[in-house]
Amino acid sequence: MKPLRRHWQATHDVQDALSWYLEHAGDGVAERFLLDYEAALTHIARQPGTGSLRYAQAPAHAGLRFWLLGHFPFAVFYMERDRHIDVLRVLHQSSHLPRHLNHPTDP
């Protein structure tokens, strides 16, 4: 299992989603969102090659993969490195994803 390195953008994305769920749906839903997110990260750490390469066609995005949360409409975008996995973004599926993925390797 490779260690995960969460970039500031991914952390910010999760905080935004969590704030939204707390405000609009309550503590229970927010907690389930976090559990679903952590389950997705565990899967990615164990089997990084199973994520979709759908957005990896552009040279700037080579190797970019994503994995969908099981019960919430979010995707975790990541890149596998030799010694770790960079978790780059956690985006709502209705987002304009290419716009948010302009520079996926920026820290």
N, C-alpha and C. Protein backbone atom coordinates (compact mmCIF):
# COMPACT_ATOMS: atom_id res chain seq x y z
N MET A 1 0.84 -1.17 0.00
CA MET A 1 0.00 0.00 0.00
C MET A 1 0.89 1.24 0.00
N LYS A 2 0.68 2.11 -0.98
CA LYS A 2 1.49 3.33 -1.08
C LYS A 2 0.91 4.43 -0.19
N PRO A 3 1.80 5.24 0.39
CA PRO A 3 1.30 6.37 1.17
C PRO A 3 0.66 7.42 0.27
N LEU A 4 -0.30 8.14 0.83
CA LEU A 4 -1.01 9.19 0.10
C LEU A 4 -0.46 10.54 0.52
N ARG A 5 -0.31 11.42 -0.44
CA ARG A 5 0.06 12.80 -0.16
C ARG A 5 -1.08 13.68 -0.66
N ARG A 6 -1.80 14.29 0.26
CA ARG A 6 -2.95 15.12 -0.09
C ARG A 6 -2.49 16.55 -0.34
N HIS A 7 -2.72 17.02 -1.54
CA HIS A 7 -2.36 18.39 -1.87
C HIS A 7 -3.35 19.36 -1.26
N TRP A 8 -2.94 20.60 -1.12
CA TRP A 8 -3.78 21.62 -0.49
C TRP A 8 -5.11 21.79 -1.21
N GLN A 9 -5.11 21.64 -2.54
CA GLN A 9 -6.37 21.79 -3.27
C GLN A 9 -7.35 20.69 -2.91
N ALA A 10 -6.87 19.47 -2.76
CA ALA A 10 -7.74 18.36 -2.38
C ALA A 10 -8.30 18.59 -0.98
N THR A 11 -7.46 19.04 -0.07
CA THR A 11 -7.90 19.32 1.29
C THR A 11 -8.96 20.42 1.28
N HIS A 12 -8.73 21.45 0.50
CA HIS A 12 -9.69 22.55 0.39
C HIS A 12 -11.00 22.05 -0.21
N ASP A 13 -10.92 21.21 -1.24
CA ASP A 13 -12.13 20.66 -1.86
C ASP A 13 -12.97 19.89 -0.85
N VAL A 14 -12.31 19.07 -0.04
CA VAL A 14 -13.03 18.26 0.96
C VAL A 14 -13.63 19.17 2.04
N GLN A 15 -12.90 20.18 2.46
CA GLN A 15 -13.43 21.11 3.46
C GLN A 15 -14.67 21.84 2.93
N ASP A 16 -14.62 22.25 1.66
CA ASP A 16 -15.78 22.92 1.06
C ASP A 16 -17.00 21.99 1.02
N ALA A 17 -16.78 20.76 0.59
CA ALA A 17 -17.89 19.80 0.52
C ALA A 17 -18.44 19.52 1.90
N LEU A 18 -17.55 19.32 2.85
CA LEU A 18 -17.96 19.04 4.22
C LEU A 18 -18.78 20.20 4.79
N SER A 19 -18.34 21.43 4.55
CA SER A 19 -19.09 22.61 5.01
C SER A 19 -20.48 22.63 4.40
N TRP A 20 -20.57 22.33 3.12
CA TRP A 20 -21.87 22.32 2.45
C TRP A 20 -22.78 21.28 3.07
N TYR A 21 -22.28 20.07 3.27
CA TYR A 21 -23.11 19.01 3.85
C TYR A 21 -23.52 19.35 5.28
N LEU A 22 -22.62 19.94 6.06
CA LEU A 22 -22.97 20.33 7.42
C LEU A 22 -24.09 21.37 7.43
N GLU A 23 -24.01 22.34 6.53
CA GLU A 23 -25.00 23.41 6.49
C GLU A 23 -26.34 22.96 5.92
N HIS A 24 -26.31 22.11 4.89
CA HIS A 24 -27.53 21.78 4.17
C HIS A 24 -28.13 20.40 4.51
N ALA A 25 -27.32 19.52 5.07
CA ALA A 25 -27.82 18.15 5.28
C ALA A 25 -27.61 17.64 6.70
N GLY A 26 -26.76 18.27 7.47
CA GLY A 26 -26.58 17.87 8.86
C GLY A 26 -25.33 17.05 9.12
N ASP A 27 -25.08 16.84 10.41
CA ASP A 27 -23.88 16.15 10.86
C ASP A 27 -23.78 14.71 10.35
N GLY A 28 -24.90 14.00 10.33
CA GLY A 28 -24.87 12.60 9.91
C GLY A 28 -24.44 12.43 8.47
N VAL A 29 -24.96 13.26 7.61
CA VAL A 29 -24.59 13.18 6.18
C VAL A 29 -23.14 13.59 6.00
N ALA A 30 -22.72 14.64 6.70
CA ALA A 30 -21.33 15.08 6.61
C ALA A 30 -20.37 13.98 7.06
N GLU A 31 -20.75 13.29 8.13
CA GLU A 31 -19.91 12.19 8.62
C GLU A 31 -19.86 11.05 7.60
N ARG A 32 -20.99 10.72 6.99
CA ARG A 32 -21.00 9.68 5.95
C ARG A 32 -20.16 10.08 4.75
N PHE A 33 -20.18 11.37 4.40
CA PHE A 33 -19.32 11.86 3.31
C PHE A 33 -17.85 11.59 3.64
N LEU A 34 -17.44 11.94 4.84
CA LEU A 34 -16.04 11.72 5.22
C LEU A 34 -15.67 10.24 5.22
N LEU A 35 -16.57 9.40 5.70
CA LEU A 35 -16.31 7.95 5.68
C LEU A 35 -16.19 7.43 4.25
N ASP A 36 -17.04 7.92 3.36
CA ASP A 36 -17.00 7.52 1.96
C ASP A 36 -15.69 7.98 1.31
N TYR A 37 -15.28 9.20 1.62
CA TYR A 37 -14.02 9.75 1.10
C TYR A 37 -12.83 8.91 1.59
N GLU A 38 -12.81 8.59 2.88
CA GLU A 38 -11.72 7.78 3.43
C GLU A 38 -11.70 6.38 2.82
N ALA A 39 -12.86 5.81 2.56
CA ALA A 39 -12.92 4.50 1.90
C ALA A 39 -12.34 4.58 0.49
N ALA A 40 -12.64 5.67 -0.22
CA ALA A 40 -12.07 5.85 -1.56
C ALA A 40 -10.55 5.98 -1.49
N LEU A 41 -10.04 6.71 -0.51
CA LEU A 41 -8.59 6.84 -0.36
C LEU A 41 -7.93 5.51 -0.04
N THR A 42 -8.58 4.72 0.79
CA THR A 42 -8.04 3.39 1.10
C THR A 42 -7.97 2.53 -0.15
N HIS A 43 -9.02 2.57 -0.94
CA HIS A 43 -9.01 1.81 -2.20
C HIS A 43 -7.88 2.28 -3.11
N ILE A 44 -7.74 3.59 -3.27
CA ILE A 44 -6.70 4.15 -4.14
C ILE A 44 -5.31 3.74 -3.65
N ALA A 45 -5.08 3.78 -2.35
CA ALA A 45 -3.78 3.41 -1.80
C ALA A 45 -3.47 1.94 -2.05
N ARG A 46 -4.49 1.09 -2.00
CA ARG A 46 -4.29 -0.35 -2.20
C ARG A 46 -4.22 -0.74 -3.67
N GLN A 47 -5.02 -0.08 -4.52
CA GLN A 47 -5.11 -0.45 -5.93
C GLN A 47 -5.13 0.80 -6.82
N PRO A 48 -4.04 1.54 -6.86
CA PRO A 48 -4.05 2.81 -7.60
C PRO A 48 -4.31 2.66 -9.09
N GLY A 49 -4.00 1.53 -9.66
CA GLY A 49 -4.19 1.33 -11.10
C GLY A 49 -5.62 1.13 -11.53
N THR A 50 -6.56 1.07 -10.59
CA THR A 50 -7.96 0.81 -10.97
C THR A 50 -8.74 2.08 -11.29
N GLY A 51 -8.17 3.25 -11.02
CA GLY A 51 -8.86 4.50 -11.32
C GLY A 51 -8.92 4.76 -12.82
N SER A 52 -9.95 5.47 -13.24
CA SER A 52 -10.14 5.79 -14.65
C SER A 52 -9.11 6.78 -15.16
N LEU A 53 -8.68 6.58 -16.40
CA LEU A 53 -7.74 7.50 -17.08
C LEU A 53 -8.47 8.45 -18.03
N ARG A 54 -9.76 8.61 -17.86
CA ARG A 54 -10.59 9.39 -18.79
C ARG A 54 -10.01 10.78 -19.08
N TYR A 55 -9.45 11.46 -18.09
CA TYR A 55 -8.95 12.82 -18.29
C TYR A 55 -7.45 12.86 -18.53
N ALA A 56 -6.84 11.73 -18.79
CA ALA A 56 -5.38 11.65 -18.95
C ALA A 56 -4.92 11.78 -20.40
N GLN A 57 -5.81 12.12 -21.32
CA GLN A 57 -5.42 12.19 -22.73
C GLN A 57 -4.47 13.35 -23.02
N ALA A 58 -4.65 14.48 -22.39
CA ALA A 58 -3.77 15.64 -22.64
C ALA A 58 -2.40 15.37 -22.04
N PRO A 59 -1.32 15.77 -22.73
CA PRO A 59 0.03 15.53 -22.19
C PRO A 59 0.23 16.08 -20.78
N ALA A 60 -0.38 17.21 -20.48
CA ALA A 60 -0.24 17.78 -19.13
C ALA A 60 -0.91 16.93 -18.07
N HIS A 61 -1.80 16.05 -18.48
CA HIS A 61 -2.54 15.21 -17.54
C HIS A 61 -2.13 13.74 -17.61
N ALA A 62 -1.02 13.44 -18.25
CA ALA A 62 -0.59 12.05 -18.39
C ALA A 62 -0.50 11.38 -17.02
N GLY A 63 -1.16 10.25 -16.89
CA GLY A 63 -1.16 9.50 -15.64
C GLY A 63 -2.22 9.92 -14.64
N LEU A 64 -3.00 10.94 -14.95
CA LEU A 64 -4.04 11.40 -14.04
C LEU A 64 -5.19 10.38 -14.02
N ARG A 65 -5.54 9.95 -12.83
CA ARG A 65 -6.64 8.99 -12.66
C ARG A 65 -7.67 9.58 -11.71
N PHE A 66 -8.85 9.00 -11.74
CA PHE A 66 -9.84 9.38 -10.74
C PHE A 66 -10.62 8.15 -10.30
N TRP A 67 -11.14 8.27 -9.08
CA TRP A 67 -11.95 7.22 -8.47
C TRP A 67 -13.18 7.89 -7.88
N LEU A 68 -14.36 7.34 -8.15
CA LEU A 68 -15.60 7.91 -7.66
C LEU A 68 -15.89 7.46 -6.23
N LEU A 69 -16.42 8.37 -5.43
CA LEU A 69 -16.91 7.98 -4.11
C LEU A 69 -18.11 7.07 -4.31
N GLY A 70 -18.33 6.19 -3.38
CA GLY A 70 -19.39 5.21 -3.54
C GLY A 70 -20.80 5.75 -3.42
N HIS A 71 -21.02 6.74 -2.54
CA HIS A 71 -22.38 7.19 -2.25
C HIS A 71 -22.58 8.69 -2.41
N PHE A 72 -21.56 9.40 -2.82
CA PHE A 72 -21.65 10.84 -2.99
C PHE A 72 -21.11 11.20 -4.37
N PRO A 73 -21.62 12.28 -4.97
CA PRO A 73 -21.24 12.60 -6.36
C PRO A 73 -19.91 13.34 -6.47
N PHE A 74 -18.84 12.72 -5.97
CA PHE A 74 -17.52 13.33 -6.01
C PHE A 74 -16.52 12.33 -6.60
N ALA A 75 -15.49 12.89 -7.22
CA ALA A 75 -14.40 12.10 -7.78
C ALA A 75 -13.09 12.55 -7.16
N VAL A 76 -12.25 11.58 -6.79
CA VAL A 76 -10.91 11.86 -6.25
C VAL A 76 -9.93 11.72 -7.40
N PHE A 77 -9.23 12.82 -7.72
CA PHE A 77 -8.23 12.82 -8.80
C PHE A 77 -6.86 12.65 -8.19
N TYR A 78 -6.07 11.76 -8.78
CA TYR A 78 -4.77 11.44 -8.21
C TYR A 78 -3.79 10.98 -9.29
N MET A 79 -2.50 10.99 -8.91
CA MET A 79 -1.45 10.49 -9.78
C MET A 79 -0.56 9.56 -8.95
N GLU A 80 -0.28 8.41 -9.50
CA GLU A 80 0.60 7.46 -8.84
C GLU A 80 2.04 7.83 -9.15
N ARG A 81 2.84 7.91 -8.13
CA ARG A 81 4.28 8.18 -8.25
C ARG A 81 5.03 6.91 -7.83
N ASP A 82 6.34 6.94 -7.93
CA ASP A 82 7.13 5.76 -7.56
C ASP A 82 6.93 5.37 -6.09
N ARG A 83 6.93 6.36 -5.20
CA ARG A 83 6.91 6.05 -3.78
C ARG A 83 5.63 6.48 -3.05
N HIS A 84 4.75 7.18 -3.73
CA HIS A 84 3.53 7.67 -3.09
C HIS A 84 2.47 7.94 -4.14
N ILE A 85 1.32 8.35 -3.66
CA ILE A 85 0.22 8.74 -4.54
C ILE A 85 -0.16 10.17 -4.18
N ASP A 86 -0.16 11.04 -5.18
CA ASP A 86 -0.57 12.43 -5.00
C ASP A 86 -2.08 12.52 -5.18
N VAL A 87 -2.79 12.89 -4.12
CA VAL A 87 -4.22 13.16 -4.21
C VAL A 87 -4.34 14.65 -4.53
N LEU A 88 -4.81 14.95 -5.75
CA LEU A 88 -4.74 16.32 -6.26
C LEU A 88 -6.01 17.12 -6.07
N ARG A 89 -7.15 16.53 -6.34
CA ARG A 89 -8.42 17.24 -6.24
C ARG A 89 -9.50 16.27 -5.81
N VAL A 90 -10.57 16.81 -5.23
CA VAL A 90 -11.78 16.05 -4.90
C VAL A 90 -12.92 16.92 -5.40
N LEU A 91 -13.46 16.58 -6.57
CA LEU A 91 -14.39 17.46 -7.27
C LEU A 91 -15.77 16.84 -7.43
N HIS A 92 -16.77 17.69 -7.31
CA HIS A 92 -18.15 17.27 -7.54
C HIS A 92 -18.28 16.90 -9.02
N GLN A 93 -19.02 15.85 -9.30
CA GLN A 93 -19.12 15.36 -10.68
C GLN A 93 -19.83 16.33 -11.61
N SER A 94 -20.60 17.28 -11.06
CA SER A 94 -21.25 18.25 -11.93
C SER A 94 -20.36 19.46 -12.21
N SER A 95 -19.16 19.48 -11.64
CA SER A 95 -18.21 20.56 -11.91
C SER A 95 -17.75 20.51 -13.35
N HIS A 96 -17.27 21.63 -13.83
CA HIS A 96 -16.62 21.65 -15.14
C HIS A 96 -15.21 21.11 -14.91
N LEU A 97 -15.08 19.80 -14.94
CA LEU A 97 -13.86 19.13 -14.52
C LEU A 97 -12.61 19.58 -15.27
N PRO A 98 -12.62 19.69 -16.60
CA PRO A 98 -11.39 20.13 -17.27
C PRO A 98 -10.89 21.49 -16.78
N ARG A 99 -11.79 22.38 -16.43
CA ARG A 99 -11.38 23.70 -15.93
C ARG A 99 -10.63 23.57 -14.61
N HIS A 100 -11.04 22.64 -13.76
CA HIS A 100 -10.40 22.45 -12.47
C HIS A 100 -9.11 21.65 -12.56
N LEU A 101 -8.87 21.04 -13.69
CA LEU A 101 -7.70 20.16 -13.84
C LEU A 101 -6.62 20.78 -14.70
N ASN A 102 -6.57 22.09 -14.78
CA ASN A 102 -5.59 22.76 -15.65
C ASN A 102 -4.15 22.39 -15.30
N HIS A 103 -3.83 22.35 -14.05
CA HIS A 103 -2.44 22.08 -13.63
C HIS A 103 -2.45 21.01 -12.53
N PRO A 104 -2.73 19.75 -12.89
CA PRO A 104 -2.92 18.72 -11.87
C PRO A 104 -1.68 18.37 -11.07
N THR A 105 -0.50 18.75 -11.54
CA THR A 105 0.71 18.37 -10.81
C THR A 105 1.23 19.50 -9.95
N ASP A 106 0.58 20.67 -9.94
CA ASP A 106 1.03 21.76 -9.08
C ASP A 106 0.79 21.39 -7.63
N PRO A 107 1.73 21.71 -6.74
CA PRO A 107 1.53 21.38 -5.32
C PRO A 107 0.47 22.24 -4.67
